[in-house]
Amino acid sequence: MDGQCRMWSQTRPLEFQDNWQRPFQDAFSDKVCIDEARLVQGEWAAAFGRQEAVHSGEFMGIAPTGKRVEIRYMDFWKVEDGKIVDNWVMVDFPYVMRQLGVDPFNGHGWEKMTAELCQFVMARIITLKVIMTDLETKLAQAKLYVHSFHNDLDKAQDKKEITDCLSHYTTENWYWRGMHPFYEQTGAANVANTFWHPLKESFSRIHRRTDIFFAGLNDVDHGKSLWVCEMGNFMGSFDNDWLRHPCHWPHVFFTICRIS
């Protein structure tokens, strides 16, 4: 049998009884054993759980306190030919001593480290909350900006209004990437002339319906850029030819997907 300090390794039944079993029985009475799990694989079996007992005798030099304590343990047994040949026992004695009012580590155990760790974690949590609040504010502002952009763009009708709206909300070298046959365009005037003005010339009374609208940081560049994403559809009246397609239907419905 292999145990912790003050139990050490015991190779004979009498050693086990004298050095572990009897001292433990004398120190604690009214015991209730609760196995929380039992596991078996091959020649090894294991269990962990706790004993609830009353401290009624001397334990580790501590006089009886009469306190009811919880004794946590883990037990491992190796079985060969139907007999136990090896037994590893782990008992959380420092936790037992702490319940009896004795600190075996004299203030230098995990409790101190835990307190310091808690202070460290709380400081980081506060910092993280500040960062997250700032990020949430930036994301909300970006969504509001793009939402305003869409509202004003939807109201614009002629080429000048469209170009002015695009110029107001975008940079001078705004890089716009569209699907075929619009391709990449640079600047508000080019985008207005290539896409938006022809679209509004062909379709009147366009209504935008947004189904998905969110903002987030770009994981590809490790959060250096912020993007706003929209997905939904346009509905409008098909009044004039569009991309050489003749006007055959009174109304159209087409999907939009924009990332700004």
Protein backbone atom coordinates (compact mmCIF):
# COMPACT_ATOMS: atom_id res chain seq x y z
CA MET A 1 0.00 0.00 0.00
CA ASP A 2 1.29 3.45 -0.97
CA GLY A 3 -0.04 6.44 0.96
CA GLN A 4 0.76 10.05 1.70
CA CYS A 5 3.18 11.46 4.23
CA ARG A 6 2.81 9.78 7.68
CA MET A 7 1.30 6.74 5.97
CA TRP A 8 4.15 6.05 3.54
CA SER A 9 4.34 2.63 1.89
CA GLN A 10 3.07 -0.34 3.88
CA THR A 11 3.88 -3.84 2.68
CA ARG A 12 2.36 -5.97 5.47
CA PRO A 13 -1.18 -6.01 6.92
CA LEU A 14 0.05 -5.23 10.45
CA GLU A 15 1.96 -2.18 9.24
CA PHE A 16 -1.16 -0.96 7.47
CA GLN A 17 -3.29 -1.48 10.58
CA ASP A 18 -0.81 0.09 13.03
CA ASN A 19 0.32 3.05 10.93
CA TRP A 20 -2.86 3.96 9.12
CA GLN A 21 -6.06 2.10 9.87
CA ARG A 22 -6.10 2.22 13.70
CA PRO A 23 -4.90 5.86 14.05
CA PHE A 24 -7.54 6.92 11.57
CA GLN A 25 -10.27 4.91 13.28
CA ASP A 26 -9.30 6.35 16.68
CA ALA A 27 -9.29 9.94 15.38
CA PHE A 28 -12.64 9.87 13.62
CA SER A 29 -15.93 8.27 14.64
CA ASP A 30 -19.50 8.14 13.35
CA LYS A 31 -18.18 7.82 9.79
CA VAL A 32 -20.30 7.73 6.65
CA CYS A 33 -18.51 6.70 3.45
CA ILE A 34 -19.81 8.08 0.15
CA ASP A 35 -18.23 6.83 -3.08
CA GLU A 36 -18.92 9.36 -5.83
CA ALA A 37 -17.50 7.16 -8.59
CA ARG A 38 -16.11 3.65 -9.08
CA LEU A 39 -14.10 2.81 -12.19
CA VAL A 40 -12.63 -0.46 -13.47
CA GLN A 41 -10.38 -1.17 -16.42
CA GLY A 42 -8.23 -4.24 -16.85
CA GLU A 43 -6.35 -5.06 -13.66
CA TRP A 44 -6.96 -1.67 -12.06
CA ALA A 45 -9.94 -0.37 -10.10
CA ALA A 46 -10.42 3.10 -8.68
CA ALA A 47 -12.82 5.11 -6.58
CA PHE A 48 -13.11 8.63 -5.28
CA GLY A 49 -15.46 10.25 -2.83
CA ARG A 50 -15.58 11.39 0.77
CA GLN A 51 -16.12 10.32 4.34
CA GLU A 52 -18.12 12.41 6.75
CA ALA A 53 -16.99 11.87 10.34
CA VAL A 54 -16.64 13.41 13.81
CA HIS A 55 -13.18 14.39 15.02
CA SER A 56 -13.25 12.48 18.31
CA GLY A 57 -9.57 11.59 18.81
CA GLU A 58 -6.13 13.09 18.31
CA PHE A 59 -5.26 13.62 14.65
CA MET A 60 -1.94 14.90 13.33
CA GLY A 61 -1.22 16.28 16.78
CA ILE A 62 -4.58 18.08 16.89
CA ALA A 63 -6.64 17.41 20.01
CA PRO A 64 -10.25 16.24 19.51
CA THR A 65 -12.55 19.10 18.50
CA GLY A 66 -15.86 17.31 18.14
CA LYS A 67 -16.28 18.89 14.72
CA ARG A 68 -17.89 17.00 11.88
CA VAL A 69 -15.56 17.07 8.91
CA GLU A 70 -15.45 15.98 5.29
CA ILE A 71 -12.53 13.73 4.31
CA ARG A 72 -11.91 13.55 0.58
CA TYR A 73 -10.09 10.56 -0.86
CA MET A 74 -9.01 8.67 -3.96
CA ASP A 75 -8.26 4.94 -3.93
CA PHE A 76 -6.56 2.82 -6.63
CA TRP A 77 -6.25 -0.98 -6.47
CA LYS A 78 -4.36 -3.41 -8.66
CA VAL A 79 -5.81 -6.93 -8.73
CA GLU A 80 -4.01 -10.06 -9.88
CA ASP A 81 -5.44 -13.57 -9.68
CA GLY A 82 -8.38 -12.26 -7.64
CA LYS A 83 -6.16 -10.62 -5.00
CA ILE A 84 -5.20 -7.00 -4.36
CA VAL A 85 -1.46 -6.66 -4.93
CA ASP A 86 -1.10 -2.88 -4.88
CA ASN A 87 -3.11 0.00 -3.43
CA TRP A 88 -2.55 3.73 -3.87
CA VAL A 89 -4.42 5.99 -1.44
CA MET A 90 -4.69 9.77 -1.60
CA VAL A 91 -6.46 11.58 1.28
CA ASP A 92 -6.86 15.36 1.37
CA PHE A 93 -5.44 15.76 4.88
CA PRO A 94 -4.63 19.48 4.46
CA TYR A 95 -8.34 20.09 3.83
CA VAL A 96 -9.22 18.06 6.94
CA MET A 97 -6.75 20.07 9.04
CA ARG A 98 -8.15 23.31 7.71
CA GLN A 99 -11.63 22.24 8.84
CA LEU A 100 -10.13 21.63 12.29
CA GLY A 101 -8.74 25.17 12.40
CA VAL A 102 -5.11 24.38 11.55
CA ASP A 103 -3.31 25.75 8.48
CA PRO A 104 -0.63 23.16 7.54
CA PHE A 105 0.98 25.63 5.12
CA ASN A 106 1.20 28.52 7.58
CA GLY A 107 -0.43 31.00 5.22
CA HIS A 108 1.59 29.99 2.17
CA GLY A 109 -0.78 27.44 0.65
CA TRP A 110 -3.16 27.64 -2.24
CA GLU A 111 -5.47 29.90 -0.25
CA LYS A 112 -2.95 32.72 -0.49
CA MET A 113 -2.27 32.00 -4.13
CA THR A 114 -6.00 31.77 -4.77
CA ALA A 115 -6.58 35.15 -3.13
CA GLU A 116 -3.81 36.71 -5.21
CA LEU A 117 -5.12 34.97 -8.30
CA CYS A 118 -8.64 36.26 -7.59
CA GLN A 119 -7.32 39.81 -7.32
CA PHE A 120 -5.42 39.35 -10.59
CA VAL A 121 -8.44 37.85 -12.36
CA MET A 122 -10.81 40.52 -11.06
CA ALA A 123 -8.47 43.24 -12.28
CA ARG A 124 -8.35 41.59 -15.70
CA ILE A 125 -12.13 41.18 -15.74
CA ILE A 126 -12.60 44.87 -15.02
CA THR A 127 -10.15 45.71 -17.80
CA LEU A 128 -11.91 43.30 -20.14
CA LYS A 129 -15.29 44.83 -19.33
CA VAL A 130 -13.93 48.26 -20.21
CA ILE A 131 -12.52 46.89 -23.47
CA MET A 132 -15.75 45.05 -24.29
CA THR A 133 -17.84 48.12 -23.48
CA ASP A 134 -15.65 50.21 -25.76
CA LEU A 135 -15.89 47.56 -28.49
CA GLU A 136 -19.66 47.28 -28.13
CA THR A 137 -19.90 51.05 -28.45
CA LYS A 138 -17.79 51.04 -31.61
CA LEU A 139 -19.83 48.20 -33.13
CA ALA A 140 -23.10 49.98 -32.32
CA GLN A 141 -21.79 53.24 -33.81
CA ALA A 142 -20.66 51.45 -36.97
CA LYS A 143 -24.07 49.81 -37.39
CA LEU A 144 -25.84 53.13 -36.84
CA TYR A 145 -23.58 54.81 -39.42
CA VAL A 146 -24.25 52.16 -42.07
CA HIS A 147 -27.98 52.18 -41.24
CA SER A 148 -28.08 55.95 -41.81
CA PHE A 149 -26.11 55.46 -45.03
CA HIS A 150 -28.68 52.95 -46.31
CA ASN A 151 -31.63 55.19 -45.39
CA ASP A 152 -30.19 58.21 -47.20
CA LEU A 153 -29.13 56.13 -50.19
CA ASP A 154 -32.60 54.62 -50.51
CA LYS A 155 -34.08 58.14 -50.62
CA ALA A 156 -31.66 59.40 -53.29
CA GLN A 157 -33.14 59.34 -56.82
CA ASP A 158 -31.13 61.12 -59.51
CA LYS A 159 -27.45 60.70 -60.26
CA LYS A 160 -26.40 63.83 -58.32
CA GLU A 161 -28.28 62.84 -55.17
CA ILE A 162 -26.83 59.34 -55.32
CA THR A 163 -23.27 60.59 -55.87
CA ASP A 164 -23.59 63.19 -53.11
CA CYS A 165 -24.87 60.56 -50.68
CA LEU A 166 -22.07 58.13 -51.49
CA SER A 167 -19.48 60.91 -51.21
CA HIS A 168 -20.85 61.96 -47.82
CA TYR A 169 -20.56 58.51 -46.27
CA THR A 170 -17.43 57.13 -47.95
CA THR A 171 -13.78 58.09 -48.36
CA GLU A 172 -12.38 59.66 -51.51
CA ASN A 173 -10.70 56.37 -52.51
CA TRP A 174 -13.58 54.16 -51.40
CA TYR A 175 -12.98 50.69 -52.84
CA TRP A 176 -16.28 49.06 -53.88
CA ARG A 177 -16.33 45.41 -54.94
CA GLY A 178 -19.41 44.15 -56.74
CA MET A 179 -20.48 41.03 -58.57
CA HIS A 180 -20.27 40.54 -62.32
CA PRO A 181 -20.65 42.65 -64.39
CA PHE A 182 -19.87 45.57 -62.07
CA TYR A 183 -16.50 44.37 -60.74
CA GLU A 184 -14.33 46.68 -58.63
CA GLN A 185 -14.92 50.41 -58.59
CA THR A 186 -13.08 53.24 -56.82
CA GLY A 187 -14.76 56.41 -55.60
CA ALA A 188 -18.36 57.49 -55.16
CA ALA A 189 -18.84 58.79 -58.72
CA ASN A 190 -17.81 55.52 -60.34
CA VAL A 191 -20.02 53.46 -58.02
CA ALA A 192 -22.97 55.79 -58.68
CA ASN A 193 -22.50 55.72 -62.45
CA THR A 194 -21.84 51.98 -62.69
CA PHE A 195 -24.32 50.51 -60.24
CA TRP A 196 -26.69 52.68 -58.23
CA HIS A 197 -27.94 55.13 -60.85
CA PRO A 198 -28.64 52.46 -63.49
CA LEU A 199 -30.36 50.36 -60.82
CA LYS A 200 -32.65 53.18 -59.74
CA GLU A 201 -33.35 54.09 -63.40
CA SER A 202 -34.59 50.56 -64.08
CA PHE A 203 -36.43 49.90 -60.83
CA SER A 204 -38.69 52.36 -59.08
CA ARG A 205 -40.26 52.27 -55.64
CA ILE A 206 -37.45 50.06 -54.32
CA HIS A 207 -38.01 48.80 -50.79
CA ARG A 208 -35.18 47.34 -48.74
CA ARG A 209 -35.86 44.52 -46.29
CA THR A 210 -32.97 43.62 -44.04
CA ASP A 211 -32.98 40.12 -42.54
CA ILE A 212 -29.45 40.04 -41.08
CA PHE A 213 -27.53 43.06 -39.82
CA PHE A 214 -24.52 42.84 -37.54
CA ALA A 215 -21.03 44.22 -36.95
CA GLY A 216 -17.81 42.53 -35.90
CA LEU A 217 -14.04 42.56 -35.94
CA ASN A 218 -12.15 40.90 -38.77
CA ASP A 219 -10.50 37.72 -37.47
CA VAL A 220 -8.26 37.49 -40.55
CA ASP A 221 -6.35 40.68 -39.66
CA HIS A 222 -6.55 39.89 -35.93
CA GLY A 223 -9.25 42.43 -35.20
CA LYS A 224 -7.60 45.44 -36.84
CA SER A 225 -10.62 46.24 -39.01
CA LEU A 226 -14.32 46.52 -38.22
CA TRP A 227 -16.99 45.41 -40.69
CA VAL A 228 -20.76 45.74 -40.89
CA CYS A 229 -22.68 42.97 -42.66
CA GLU A 230 -26.17 43.09 -44.14
CA MET A 231 -28.24 40.46 -45.91
CA GLY A 232 -31.79 40.81 -47.14
CA ASN A 233 -33.59 41.76 -50.34
CA PHE A 234 -34.85 44.56 -52.55
CA MET A 235 -38.38 44.71 -53.93
CA GLY A 236 -39.32 47.15 -56.66
CA SER A 237 -41.19 47.88 -59.87
CA PHE A 238 -39.36 46.87 -63.07
CA ASP A 239 -39.86 49.95 -65.27
CA ASN A 240 -36.94 49.94 -67.73
CA ASP A 241 -34.50 47.44 -69.20
CA TRP A 242 -31.75 46.32 -66.85
CA LEU A 243 -28.39 44.97 -68.04
CA ARG A 244 -29.93 44.43 -71.49
CA HIS A 245 -32.75 42.40 -69.98
CA PRO A 246 -36.07 43.69 -71.30
CA CYS A 247 -38.72 44.75 -68.88
CA HIS A 248 -41.11 41.75 -68.83
CA TRP A 249 -42.24 41.65 -65.20
CA PRO A 250 -44.04 44.34 -63.25
CA HIS A 251 -42.28 43.59 -59.97
CA VAL A 252 -38.95 42.06 -58.99
CA PHE A 253 -37.44 40.60 -55.87
CA PHE A 254 -33.70 40.11 -55.56
CA THR A 255 -31.33 39.24 -52.75
CA ILE A 256 -28.70 41.63 -51.47
CA CYS A 257 -25.58 40.94 -49.44
CA ARG A 258 -23.32 43.80 -48.37
CA ILE A 259 -20.23 43.90 -46.19
CA SER A 260 -18.97 47.41 -45.45
